[in-house]
Amino acid sequence: MKLIVQIPCYNEELTLPATFHDIPKQIPGIDVVEIMIIDDGSSDKTIEIAEQLGVHHIIRNKKNRGLARTFRTGIDACLKCGADIIVNTDGDNQYAGWDIPKLIQPILDGKADVVVGDRKTSEIVHFSPFKKFLQRLGSYVVKALSGVKVPDAVSGFRAYSRDAALQLNIVSPFSYTIEALIQAGKKHMAVASVPVETNAKTRESRLFTSIPKFIERQLTTIVRMYTMYQPLKVFVLIGGIISLVGIIPIIRFLYFYFTGDGEGHIQSLILGGVLTMLGFITFLIAILADLMNFNRQLIEQTLEKVRRIELTMHDEEK
């Protein structure tokens, strides 16, 4: 049983040593523990520090590609290196590496495919009340949309089984956390959560630099992912709202028409007709989107099989 701890890094020369040393090198139930650095185009000495520490695998992005793409690169690399379990942690040493045995235990017990570390954000001193509120709200929205109940949906301290990692298809350019959970819920993976500790703050968050921007990006991700997996519900809802709004001016026109004053309200009939037609077109889009959703599922199944074949061939070549 091989565990690989992947650490996406961008200019983490100051915090990487502490992150590295916090990771246990021997864990009960695990035969091999390896550490992988995915350097996201750092301009400091992150690579040199990683080499000095003796990191087993170093993956380099030629330029900064963002957290989500770097995470996806790391997952693919970990699978090629034969990982049975993949743990993702941050290079700023936010998460307590010594909690990794606790994090992976539900996977070892066969009870979970994905495990999310719960930072107990309500108890973190340096989190502002508004940030704590956003964390709770985000977790509630993810639960409502995906059926996955985790108290800390944006936590990046996670463990994935090999099968779960093979099924992940991250497409967001911003952050993978919410997208991965929505995918896990829609693909009926077993998701668990365990409480974990956090270390003292070492630097400002690079994802949470602007609250309006953070909210915008997370909402965009949520809407995109939910629409991708539930297009029929989304477009039927939109079409229903448009049609309902269109019916109101039509009813208004009919009221005045039957009371003998319809001639002066023809614009209501035109407006209602246009909106009703738009609603009908949206219903047609819903049907097409639902058919495309089934096609996407077939593509994802094919991609998973291709990945398995590639990994098998890669193992045979070793």
C-alpha atoms as a PDB file:
ATOM      1  CA  MET A   1       0.000   0.000   0.000  1.00  0.00           C
ATOM      2  CA  LYS A   2       1.620   3.234  -1.196  1.00  0.00           C
ATOM      3  CA  LEU A   3       0.672   6.688   0.065  1.00  0.00           C
ATOM      4  CA  ILE A   4       1.820   9.791  -1.800  1.00  0.00           C
ATOM      5  CA  VAL A   5       1.401  13.198  -0.172  1.00  0.00           C
ATOM      6  CA  GLN A   6       1.209  15.851  -2.870  1.00  0.00           C
ATOM      7  CA  ILE A   7       2.007  19.478  -2.072  1.00  0.00           C
ATOM      8  CA  PRO A   8       1.121  22.146  -4.670  1.00  0.00           C
ATOM      9  CA  CYS A   9       3.686  24.919  -4.192  1.00  0.00           C
ATOM     10  CA  TYR A  10       4.081  28.480  -5.396  1.00  0.00           C
ATOM     11  CA  ASN A  11       6.963  30.382  -3.791  1.00  0.00           C
ATOM     12  CA  GLU A  12       6.949  28.309  -0.598  1.00  0.00           C
ATOM     13  CA  GLU A  13      10.684  28.291   0.192  1.00  0.00           C
ATOM     14  CA  LEU A  14      10.060  29.581   3.730  1.00  0.00           C
ATOM     15  CA  THR A  15       7.241  27.231   4.721  1.00  0.00           C
ATOM     16  CA  LEU A  16       8.027  24.058   2.753  1.00  0.00           C
ATOM     17  CA  PRO A  17      10.564  22.679   5.293  1.00  0.00           C
ATOM     18  CA  ALA A  18       8.022  22.820   8.134  1.00  0.00           C
ATOM     19  CA  THR A  19       5.363  21.257   5.893  1.00  0.00           C
ATOM     20  CA  PHE A  20       7.759  18.478   4.897  1.00  0.00           C
ATOM     21  CA  HIS A  21       8.884  17.670   8.441  1.00  0.00           C
ATOM     22  CA  ASP A  22       5.288  17.546   9.743  1.00  0.00           C
ATOM     23  CA  ILE A  23       4.460  14.666   7.402  1.00  0.00           C
ATOM     24  CA  PRO A  24       4.954  11.277   9.110  1.00  0.00           C
ATOM     25  CA  LYS A  25       7.347   9.000   7.223  1.00  0.00           C
ATOM     26  CA  GLN A  26       5.845   5.790   8.616  1.00  0.00           C
ATOM     27  CA  ILE A  27       2.100   5.153   9.013  1.00  0.00           C
ATOM     28  CA  PRO A  28       0.384   1.967  10.244  1.00  0.00           C
ATOM     29  CA  GLY A  29      -1.278   0.156   7.330  1.00  0.00           C
ATOM     30  CA  ILE A  30       0.940   1.921   4.773  1.00  0.00           C
ATOM     31  CA  ASP A  31       4.014   0.223   3.321  1.00  0.00           C
ATOM     32  CA  VAL A  32       5.505   3.234   1.536  1.00  0.00           C
ATOM     33  CA  VAL A  33       5.103   6.974   2.205  1.00  0.00           C
ATOM     34  CA  GLU A  34       6.358   9.324  -0.507  1.00  0.00           C
ATOM     35  CA  ILE A  35       6.148  13.081  -0.917  1.00  0.00           C
ATOM     36  CA  MET A  36       5.553  14.925  -4.178  1.00  0.00           C
ATOM     37  CA  ILE A  37       6.035  18.624  -4.858  1.00  0.00           C
ATOM     38  CA  ILE A  38       4.139  20.222  -7.752  1.00  0.00           C
ATOM     39  CA  ASP A  39       5.909  23.517  -8.306  1.00  0.00           C
ATOM     40  CA  ASP A  40       3.584  26.035  -9.968  1.00  0.00           C
ATOM     41  CA  GLY A  41       6.192  28.209 -11.647  1.00  0.00           C
ATOM     42  CA  SER A  42       7.847  29.468  -8.461  1.00  0.00           C
ATOM     43  CA  SER A  43      10.358  32.298  -8.782  1.00  0.00           C
ATOM     44  CA  ASP A  44      12.059  31.618  -5.427  1.00  0.00           C
ATOM     45  CA  LYS A  45      14.085  28.615  -4.189  1.00  0.00           C
ATOM     46  CA  THR A  46      11.169  26.215  -3.703  1.00  0.00           C
ATOM     47  CA  ILE A  47      12.699  23.621  -6.055  1.00  0.00           C
ATOM     48  CA  GLU A  48      16.142  23.827  -4.430  1.00  0.00           C
ATOM     49  CA  ILE A  49      14.646  23.494  -0.941  1.00  0.00           C
ATOM     50  CA  ALA A  50      12.597  20.482  -2.051  1.00  0.00           C
ATOM     51  CA  GLU A  51      15.724  18.787  -3.432  1.00  0.00           C
ATOM     52  CA  GLN A  52      17.651  19.499  -0.220  1.00  0.00           C
ATOM     53  CA  LEU A  53      14.839  18.015   1.861  1.00  0.00           C
ATOM     54  CA  GLY A  54      14.900  14.821  -0.156  1.00  0.00           C
ATOM     55  CA  VAL A  55      11.423  15.068  -1.684  1.00  0.00           C
ATOM     56  CA  HIS A  56      10.771  11.882  -3.667  1.00  0.00           C
ATOM     57  CA  HIS A  57       9.022  13.441  -6.679  1.00  0.00           C
ATOM     58  CA  ILE A  58       9.275  17.001  -8.049  1.00  0.00           C
ATOM     59  CA  ILE A  59       6.881  18.051 -10.813  1.00  0.00           C
ATOM     60  CA  ARG A  60       7.378  21.460 -12.416  1.00  0.00           C
ATOM     61  CA  ASN A  61       4.996  23.784 -14.213  1.00  0.00           C
ATOM     62  CA  LYS A  62       6.956  26.036 -16.554  1.00  0.00           C
ATOM     63  CA  LYS A  63       4.697  28.963 -15.603  1.00  0.00           C
ATOM     64  CA  ASN A  64       2.081  29.645 -12.961  1.00  0.00           C
ATOM     65  CA  ARG A  65      -1.082  27.712 -13.897  1.00  0.00           C
ATOM     66  CA  GLY A  66      -3.169  28.145 -10.752  1.00  0.00           C
ATOM     67  CA  LEU A  67      -4.134  25.831  -7.904  1.00  0.00           C
ATOM     68  CA  ALA A  68      -6.797  23.776  -9.693  1.00  0.00           C
ATOM     69  CA  ARG A  69      -4.607  22.889 -12.677  1.00  0.00           C
ATOM     70  CA  THR A  70      -1.651  22.184 -10.399  1.00  0.00           C
ATOM     71  CA  PHE A  71      -3.799  19.881  -8.258  1.00  0.00           C
ATOM     72  CA  ARG A  72      -4.935  18.013 -11.390  1.00  0.00           C
ATOM     73  CA  THR A  73      -1.322  17.645 -12.545  1.00  0.00           C
ATOM     74  CA  GLY A  74      -0.378  16.242  -9.147  1.00  0.00           C
ATOM     75  CA  ILE A  75      -3.212  13.697  -9.155  1.00  0.00           C
ATOM     76  CA  ASP A  76      -2.155  12.386 -12.573  1.00  0.00           C
ATOM     77  CA  ALA A  77       1.493  12.202 -11.488  1.00  0.00           C
ATOM     78  CA  CYS A  78       0.638  10.399  -8.239  1.00  0.00           C
ATOM     79  CA  LEU A  79      -1.365   7.781 -10.139  1.00  0.00           C
ATOM     80  CA  LYS A  80       1.554   7.193 -12.512  1.00  0.00           C
ATOM     81  CA  CYS A  81       3.834   6.753  -9.510  1.00  0.00           C
ATOM     82  CA  GLY A  82       1.578   3.946  -8.255  1.00  0.00           C
ATOM     83  CA  ALA A  83      -0.220   5.706  -5.400  1.00  0.00           C
ATOM     84  CA  ASP A  84      -2.963   3.687  -3.705  1.00  0.00           C
ATOM     85  CA  ILE A  85      -3.932   6.698  -1.572  1.00  0.00           C
ATOM     86  CA  ILE A  86      -3.260  10.347  -2.377  1.00  0.00           C
ATOM     87  CA  VAL A  87      -3.237  13.048   0.290  1.00  0.00           C
ATOM     88  CA  ASN A  88      -3.288  16.700  -0.730  1.00  0.00           C
ATOM     89  CA  THR A  89      -1.972  19.358   1.627  1.00  0.00           C
ATOM     90  CA  ASP A  90      -0.869  22.981   1.246  1.00  0.00           C
ATOM     91  CA  GLY A  91       2.689  24.244   1.017  1.00  0.00           C
ATOM     92  CA  ASP A  92       2.077  27.035   3.538  1.00  0.00           C
ATOM     93  CA  ASN A  93       1.935  24.478   6.395  1.00  0.00           C
ATOM     94  CA  GLN A  94      -1.647  25.455   7.261  1.00  0.00           C
ATOM     95  CA  TYR A  95      -2.630  21.834   7.861  1.00  0.00           C
ATOM     96  CA  ALA A  96      -1.128  19.635  10.563  1.00  0.00           C
ATOM     97  CA  GLY A  97       0.727  16.903   8.694  1.00  0.00           C
ATOM     98  CA  TRP A  98       0.715  14.632  11.721  1.00  0.00           C
ATOM     99  CA  ASP A  99      -3.047  14.207  11.218  1.00  0.00           C
ATOM    100  CA  ILE A 100      -2.505  12.320   7.930  1.00  0.00           C
ATOM    101  CA  PRO A 101      -2.909   8.885   9.610  1.00  0.00           C
ATOM    102  CA  LYS A 102      -6.281  10.030  10.929  1.00  0.00           C
ATOM    103  CA  LEU A 103      -7.208  11.466   7.523  1.00  0.00           C
ATOM    104  CA  ILE A 104      -6.561   8.255   5.589  1.00  0.00           C
ATOM    105  CA  GLN A 105      -8.031   5.812   8.135  1.00  0.00           C
ATOM    106  CA  PRO A 106     -11.585   5.791   6.647  1.00  0.00           C
ATOM    107  CA  ILE A 107     -10.056   4.797   3.288  1.00  0.00           C
ATOM    108  CA  LEU A 108      -7.940   2.067   4.902  1.00  0.00           C
ATOM    109  CA  ASP A 109     -11.077   0.803   6.654  1.00  0.00           C
ATOM    110  CA  GLY A 110     -12.919   0.669   3.318  1.00  0.00           C
ATOM    111  CA  LYS A 111     -15.525   3.164   4.520  1.00  0.00           C
ATOM    112  CA  ALA A 112     -14.716   6.124   2.251  1.00  0.00           C
ATOM    113  CA  ASP A 113     -13.383   7.045  -1.182  1.00  0.00           C
ATOM    114  CA  VAL A 114     -12.719  10.673  -0.273  1.00  0.00           C
ATOM    115  CA  VAL A 115     -11.924  12.121   3.163  1.00  0.00           C
ATOM    116  CA  VAL A 116     -11.972  15.855   3.884  1.00  0.00           C
ATOM    117  CA  GLY A 117     -10.130  17.327   6.844  1.00  0.00           C
ATOM    118  CA  ASP A 118     -12.421  19.518   8.966  1.00  0.00           C
ATOM    119  CA  ARG A 119     -10.412  22.469  10.246  1.00  0.00           C
ATOM    120  CA  LYS A 120     -13.179  23.425  12.709  1.00  0.00           C
ATOM    121  CA  THR A 121     -13.129  26.913  11.215  1.00  0.00           C
ATOM    122  CA  SER A 122     -15.353  28.351  13.953  1.00  0.00           C
ATOM    123  CA  GLU A 123     -12.423  27.871  16.352  1.00  0.00           C
ATOM    124  CA  ILE A 124      -9.663  29.341  14.164  1.00  0.00           C
ATOM    125  CA  VAL A 125      -8.649  32.669  15.711  1.00  0.00           C
ATOM    126  CA  HIS A 126      -7.242  34.383  12.591  1.00  0.00           C
ATOM    127  CA  PHE A 127     -10.416  33.719  10.554  1.00  0.00           C
ATOM    128  CA  SER A 128     -12.695  36.765  10.521  1.00  0.00           C
ATOM    129  CA  PRO A 129     -16.395  36.294  11.423  1.00  0.00           C
ATOM    130  CA  PHE A 130     -17.350  36.979   7.798  1.00  0.00           C
ATOM    131  CA  LYS A 131     -14.871  34.379   6.510  1.00  0.00           C
ATOM    132  CA  LYS A 132     -16.264  31.839   8.981  1.00  0.00           C
ATOM    133  CA  PHE A 133     -19.764  32.646   7.737  1.00  0.00           C
ATOM    134  CA  LEU A 134     -18.679  32.132   4.125  1.00  0.00           C
ATOM    135  CA  GLN A 135     -17.137  28.758   5.037  1.00  0.00           C
ATOM    136  CA  ARG A 136     -20.409  27.599   6.648  1.00  0.00           C
ATOM    137  CA  LEU A 137     -22.489  28.951   3.756  1.00  0.00           C
ATOM    138  CA  GLY A 138     -20.275  27.263   1.158  1.00  0.00           C
ATOM    139  CA  SER A 139     -20.513  23.925   2.962  1.00  0.00           C
ATOM    140  CA  TYR A 140     -24.297  24.234   3.158  1.00  0.00           C
ATOM    141  CA  VAL A 141     -24.579  25.034  -0.559  1.00  0.00           C
ATOM    142  CA  VAL A 142     -22.346  22.087  -1.497  1.00  0.00           C
ATOM    143  CA  LYS A 143     -24.462  19.795   0.677  1.00  0.00           C
ATOM    144  CA  ALA A 144     -27.690  21.053  -0.915  1.00  0.00           C
ATOM    145  CA  LEU A 145     -26.400  20.684  -4.479  1.00  0.00           C
ATOM    146  CA  SER A 146     -24.380  17.471  -4.243  1.00  0.00           C
ATOM    147  CA  GLY A 147     -25.736  15.591  -1.234  1.00  0.00           C
ATOM    148  CA  VAL A 148     -22.221  15.513   0.278  1.00  0.00           C
ATOM    149  CA  LYS A 149     -22.320  16.490   3.940  1.00  0.00           C
ATOM    150  CA  VAL A 150     -18.976  17.902   5.085  1.00  0.00           C
ATOM    151  CA  PRO A 151     -18.560  20.778   7.562  1.00  0.00           C
ATOM    152  CA  ASP A 152     -15.548  22.299   5.766  1.00  0.00           C
ATOM    153  CA  ALA A 153     -16.186  22.074   2.025  1.00  0.00           C
ATOM    154  CA  VAL A 154     -13.249  24.292   0.986  1.00  0.00           C
ATOM    155  CA  SER A 155     -10.625  22.483   3.047  1.00  0.00           C
ATOM    156  CA  GLY A 156      -7.670  21.472   0.874  1.00  0.00           C
ATOM    157  CA  PHE A 157      -6.490  18.797   3.321  1.00  0.00           C
ATOM    158  CA  ARG A 158      -7.916  15.684   1.681  1.00  0.00           C
ATOM    159  CA  ALA A 159      -7.319  12.024   1.000  1.00  0.00           C
ATOM    160  CA  TYR A 160      -8.388  10.178  -2.150  1.00  0.00           C
ATOM    161  CA  SER A 161      -8.416   6.474  -2.862  1.00  0.00           C
ATOM    162  CA  ARG A 162      -6.913   5.384  -6.162  1.00  0.00           C
ATOM    163  CA  ASP A 163     -10.369   4.682  -7.627  1.00  0.00           C
ATOM    164  CA  ALA A 164     -11.656   8.105  -6.566  1.00  0.00           C
ATOM    165  CA  ALA A 165      -8.623   9.846  -8.086  1.00  0.00           C
ATOM    166  CA  LEU A 166      -9.170   8.001 -11.374  1.00  0.00           C
ATOM    167  CA  GLN A 167     -12.714   9.362 -11.571  1.00  0.00           C
ATOM    168  CA  LEU A 168     -11.841  13.000 -10.870  1.00  0.00           C
ATOM    169  CA  ASN A 169     -11.967  15.397 -13.821  1.00  0.00           C
ATOM    170  CA  ILE A 170     -11.163  18.894 -12.574  1.00  0.00           C
ATOM    171  CA  VAL A 171     -12.023  21.571 -15.134  1.00  0.00           C
ATOM    172  CA  SER A 172     -12.145  24.715 -12.985  1.00  0.00           C
ATOM    173  CA  PRO A 173      -9.177  27.108 -13.413  1.00  0.00           C
ATOM    174  CA  PHE A 174      -9.573  28.583  -9.900  1.00  0.00           C
ATOM    175  CA  SER A 175      -9.929  26.033  -7.109  1.00  0.00           C
ATOM    176  CA  TYR A 176     -10.664  22.329  -7.112  1.00  0.00           C
ATOM    177  CA  THR A 177     -12.182  21.967  -3.623  1.00  0.00           C
ATOM    178  CA  ILE A 178     -15.877  22.569  -4.290  1.00  0.00           C
ATOM    179  CA  GLU A 179     -15.780  21.079  -7.786  1.00  0.00           C
ATOM    180  CA  ALA A 180     -14.225  17.844  -6.507  1.00  0.00           C
ATOM    181  CA  LEU A 181     -16.930  17.474  -3.848  1.00  0.00           C
ATOM    182  CA  ILE A 182     -19.773  18.085  -6.303  1.00  0.00           C
ATOM    183  CA  GLN A 183     -18.242  15.503  -8.633  1.00  0.00           C
ATOM    184  CA  ALA A 184     -17.856  13.046  -5.759  1.00  0.00           C
ATOM    185  CA  GLY A 185     -21.506  13.468  -4.812  1.00  0.00           C
ATOM    186  CA  LYS A 186     -22.827  13.136  -8.363  1.00  0.00           C
ATOM    187  CA  LYS A 187     -20.650  10.056  -8.964  1.00  0.00           C
ATOM    188  CA  HIS A 188     -21.924   8.462  -5.734  1.00  0.00           C
ATOM    189  CA  MET A 189     -18.552   8.253  -4.013  1.00  0.00           C
ATOM    190  CA  ALA A 190     -18.428   7.676  -0.265  1.00  0.00           C
ATOM    191  CA  VAL A 191     -17.234  10.937   1.292  1.00  0.00           C
ATOM    192  CA  ALA A 192     -16.211  11.247   4.938  1.00  0.00           C
ATOM    193  CA  SER A 193     -14.923  14.053   7.136  1.00  0.00           C
ATOM    194  CA  VAL A 194     -12.550  13.934  10.098  1.00  0.00           C
ATOM    195  CA  PRO A 195     -11.529  16.767  12.443  1.00  0.00           C
ATOM    196  CA  VAL A 196      -7.944  17.946  11.937  1.00  0.00           C
ATOM    197  CA  GLU A 197      -5.685  20.497  13.535  1.00  0.00           C
ATOM    198  CA  THR A 198      -4.193  23.562  11.879  1.00  0.00           C
ATOM    199  CA  ASN A 199      -0.911  25.351  12.426  1.00  0.00           C
ATOM    200  CA  ALA A 200      -0.370  29.039  13.077  1.00  0.00           C
ATOM    201  CA  LYS A 201      -0.859  31.350  10.103  1.00  0.00           C
ATOM    202  CA  THR A 202       2.329  31.755   8.040  1.00  0.00           C
ATOM    203  CA  ARG A 203       1.135  34.064   5.251  1.00  0.00           C
ATOM    204  CA  GLU A 204      -1.977  35.594   3.721  1.00  0.00           C
ATOM    205  CA  SER A 205      -4.203  33.333   1.639  1.00  0.00           C
ATOM    206  CA  ARG A 206      -3.607  33.597  -2.102  1.00  0.00           C
ATOM    207  CA  LEU A 207      -7.144  32.439  -2.900  1.00  0.00           C
ATOM    208  CA  PHE A 208      -8.922  34.703  -0.409  1.00  0.00           C
ATOM    209  CA  THR A 209      -7.236  37.987  -1.343  1.00  0.00           C
ATOM    210  CA  SER A 210     -10.509  39.724  -2.205  1.00  0.00           C
ATOM    211  CA  ILE A 211     -13.836  38.666  -0.699  1.00  0.00           C
ATOM    212  CA  PRO A 212     -15.975  39.794  -3.685  1.00  0.00           C
ATOM    213  CA  LYS A 213     -13.599  38.061  -6.119  1.00  0.00           C
ATOM    214  CA  PHE A 214     -13.517  34.905  -3.997  1.00  0.00           C
ATOM    215  CA  ILE A 215     -17.321  34.781  -3.810  1.00  0.00           C
ATOM    216  CA  GLU A 216     -17.636  35.400  -7.548  1.00  0.00           C
ATOM    217  CA  ARG A 217     -15.209  32.603  -8.427  1.00  0.00           C
ATOM    218  CA  GLN A 218     -16.731  30.091  -6.025  1.00  0.00           C
ATOM    219  CA  LEU A 219     -20.273  30.876  -7.196  1.00  0.00           C
ATOM    220  CA  THR A 220     -19.156  30.518 -10.809  1.00  0.00           C
ATOM    221  CA  THR A 221     -17.661  27.118 -10.013  1.00  0.00           C
ATOM    222  CA  ILE A 222     -20.792  25.964  -8.167  1.00  0.00           C
ATOM    223  CA  VAL A 223     -23.154  27.076 -10.936  1.00  0.00           C
ATOM    224  CA  ARG A 224     -20.948  25.582 -13.660  1.00  0.00           C
ATOM    225  CA  MET A 225     -20.574  22.235 -11.893  1.00  0.00           C
ATOM    226  CA  TYR A 226     -24.239  21.904 -10.932  1.00  0.00           C
ATOM    227  CA  THR A 227     -25.334  22.823 -14.453  1.00  0.00           C
ATOM    228  CA  MET A 228     -22.899  20.286 -15.876  1.00  0.00           C
ATOM    229  CA  TYR A 229     -24.332  17.467 -13.762  1.00  0.00           C
ATOM    230  CA  GLN A 230     -27.983  18.581 -13.519  1.00  0.00           C
ATOM    231  CA  PRO A 231     -28.696  20.501 -16.757  1.00  0.00           C
ATOM    232  CA  LEU A 232     -32.324  19.400 -17.012  1.00  0.00           C
ATOM    233  CA  LYS A 233     -33.218  20.800 -13.586  1.00  0.00           C
ATOM    234  CA  VAL A 234     -31.364  24.062 -14.222  1.00  0.00           C
ATOM    235  CA  PHE A 235     -32.841  24.846 -17.640  1.00  0.00           C
ATOM    236  CA  VAL A 236     -36.358  23.661 -16.749  1.00  0.00           C
ATOM    237  CA  LEU A 237     -36.248  26.017 -13.757  1.00  0.00           C
ATOM    238  CA  ILE A 238     -35.058  28.916 -15.932  1.00  0.00           C
ATOM    239  CA  GLY A 239     -37.635  28.118 -18.608  1.00  0.00           C
ATOM    240  CA  GLY A 240     -40.383  27.864 -16.003  1.00  0.00           C
ATOM    241  CA  ILE A 241     -39.527  31.277 -14.539  1.00  0.00           C
ATOM    242  CA  ILE A 242     -39.445  32.923 -17.976  1.00  0.00           C
ATOM    243  CA  SER A 243     -42.756  31.311 -18.966  1.00  0.00           C
ATOM    244  CA  LEU A 244     -44.394  32.328 -15.697  1.00  0.00           C
ATOM    245  CA  VAL A 245     -43.267  35.920 -16.152  1.00  0.00           C
ATOM    246  CA  GLY A 246     -44.590  35.783 -19.717  1.00  0.00           C
ATOM    247  CA  ILE A 247     -48.015  34.502 -18.647  1.00  0.00           C
ATOM    248  CA  ILE A 248     -48.587  37.481 -16.345  1.00  0.00           C
ATOM    249  CA  PRO A 249     -48.827  40.172 -19.107  1.00  0.00           C
ATOM    250  CA  ILE A 250     -50.935  37.769 -21.219  1.00  0.00           C
ATOM    251  CA  ILE A 251     -53.410  37.395 -18.350  1.00  0.00           C
ATOM    252  CA  ARG A 252     -53.347  41.183 -17.955  1.00  0.00           C
ATOM    253  CA  PHE A 253     -54.226  41.635 -21.624  1.00  0.00           C
ATOM    254  CA  LEU A 254     -57.015  39.046 -21.471  1.00  0.00           C
ATOM    255  CA  TYR A 255     -58.496  40.772 -18.430  1.00  0.00           C
ATOM    256  CA  PHE A 256     -58.695  44.130 -20.211  1.00  0.00           C
ATOM    257  CA  TYR A 257     -59.806  42.470 -23.466  1.00  0.00           C
ATOM    258  CA  PHE A 258     -62.839  40.789 -21.880  1.00  0.00           C
ATOM    259  CA  THR A 259     -63.709  43.942 -19.973  1.00  0.00           C
ATOM    260  CA  GLY A 260     -63.833  45.837 -23.258  1.00  0.00           C
ATOM    261  CA  ASP A 261     -60.513  47.694 -23.001  1.00  0.00           C
ATOM    262  CA  GLY A 262     -58.088  45.306 -24.727  1.00  0.00           C
ATOM    263  CA  GLU A 263     -57.181  47.583 -27.638  1.00  0.00           C
ATOM    264  CA  GLY A 264     -54.859  49.769 -25.582  1.00  0.00           C
ATOM    265  CA  HIS A 265     -52.979  46.874 -24.027  1.00  0.00           C
ATOM    266  CA  ILE A 266     -51.751  44.979 -27.074  1.00  0.00           C
ATOM    267  CA  GLN A 267     -48.136  45.531 -25.944  1.00  0.00           C
ATOM    268  CA  SER A 268     -48.816  43.269 -22.956  1.00  0.00           C
ATOM    269  CA  LEU A 269     -49.843  40.489 -25.329  1.00  0.00           C
ATOM    270  CA  ILE A 270     -46.699  40.982 -27.433  1.00  0.00           C
ATOM    271  CA  LEU A 271     -44.403  40.999 -24.380  1.00  0.00           C
ATOM    272  CA  GLY A 272     -46.085  37.936 -22.911  1.00  0.00           C
ATOM    273  CA  GLY A 273     -45.878  36.096 -26.220  1.00  0.00           C
ATOM    274  CA  VAL A 274     -42.164  36.822 -26.576  1.00  0.00           C
ATOM    275  CA  LEU A 275     -41.391  35.683 -23.014  1.00  0.00           C
ATOM    276  CA  THR A 276     -43.501  32.545 -23.375  1.00  0.00           C
ATOM    277  CA  MET A 277     -41.680  31.689 -26.603  1.00  0.00           C
ATOM    278  CA  LEU A 278     -38.320  32.204 -24.852  1.00  0.00           C
ATOM    279  CA  GLY A 279     -39.495  29.892 -22.077  1.00  0.00           C
ATOM    280  CA  PHE A 280     -40.437  27.236 -24.635  1.00  0.00           C
ATOM    281  CA  ILE A 281     -37.009  27.562 -26.303  1.00  0.00           C
ATOM    282  CA  THR A 282     -35.354  27.159 -22.888  1.00  0.00           C
ATOM    283  CA  PHE A 283     -37.322  23.932 -22.356  1.00  0.00           C
ATOM    284  CA  LEU A 284     -35.933  22.665 -25.671  1.00  0.00           C
ATOM    285  CA  ILE A 285     -32.431  23.635 -24.512  1.00  0.00           C
ATOM    286  CA  ALA A 286     -33.079  21.643 -21.319  1.00  0.00           C
ATOM    287  CA  ILE A 287     -33.770  18.500 -23.345  1.00  0.00           C
ATOM    288  CA  LEU A 288     -30.656  18.998 -25.481  1.00  0.00           C
ATOM    289  CA  ALA A 289     -28.517  19.724 -22.421  1.00  0.00           C
ATOM    290  CA  ASP A 290     -29.789  16.572 -20.727  1.00  0.00           C
ATOM    291  CA  LEU A 291     -28.846  14.509 -23.780  1.00  0.00           C
ATOM    292  CA  MET A 292     -25.395  16.142 -23.731  1.00  0.00           C
ATOM    293  CA  ASN A 293     -25.139  15.225 -20.042  1.00  0.00           C
ATOM    294  CA  PHE A 294     -25.524  11.539 -20.895  1.00  0.00           C
ATOM    295  CA  ASN A 295     -22.876  11.968 -23.583  1.00  0.00           C
ATOM    296  CA  ARG A 296     -20.550  13.559 -21.001  1.00  0.00           C
ATOM    297  CA  GLN A 297     -21.046  10.556 -18.719  1.00  0.00           C
ATOM    298  CA  LEU A 298     -20.042   8.213 -21.532  1.00  0.00           C
ATOM    299  CA  ILE A 299     -16.945  10.348 -22.222  1.00  0.00           C
ATOM    300  CA  GLU A 300     -15.973  10.304 -18.536  1.00  0.00           C
ATOM    301  CA  GLN A 301     -16.388   6.531 -18.377  1.00  0.00           C
ATOM    302  CA  THR A 302     -14.203   6.198 -21.471  1.00  0.00           C
ATOM    303  CA  LEU A 303     -11.606   8.557 -19.993  1.00  0.00           C
ATOM    304  CA  GLU A 304     -11.478   6.526 -16.778  1.00  0.00           C
ATOM    305  CA  LYS A 305     -10.958   3.299 -18.736  1.00  0.00           C
ATOM    306  CA  VAL A 306      -8.237   4.920 -20.841  1.00  0.00           C
ATOM    307  CA  ARG A 307      -6.509   6.113 -17.675  1.00  0.00           C
ATOM    308  CA  ARG A 308      -6.583   2.602 -16.225  1.00  0.00           C
ATOM    309  CA  ILE A 309      -5.160   1.136 -19.429  1.00  0.00           C
ATOM    310  CA  GLU A 310      -2.407   3.778 -19.570  1.00  0.00           C
ATOM    311  CA  LEU A 311      -1.461   3.172 -15.932  1.00  0.00           C
ATOM    312  CA  THR A 312      -1.382  -0.596 -16.473  1.00  0.00           C
ATOM    313  CA  MET A 313       0.902  -0.146 -19.491  1.00  0.00           C
ATOM    314  CA  HIS A 314       3.045   2.309 -17.498  1.00  0.00           C
ATOM    315  CA  ASP A 315       3.430  -0.229 -14.670  1.00  0.00           C
ATOM    316  CA  GLU A 316       4.387  -2.989 -17.123  1.00  0.00           C
ATOM    317  CA  GLU A 317       7.103  -0.796 -18.658  1.00  0.00           C
ATOM    318  CA  LYS A 318       8.773  -0.254 -15.291  1.00  0.00           C
END
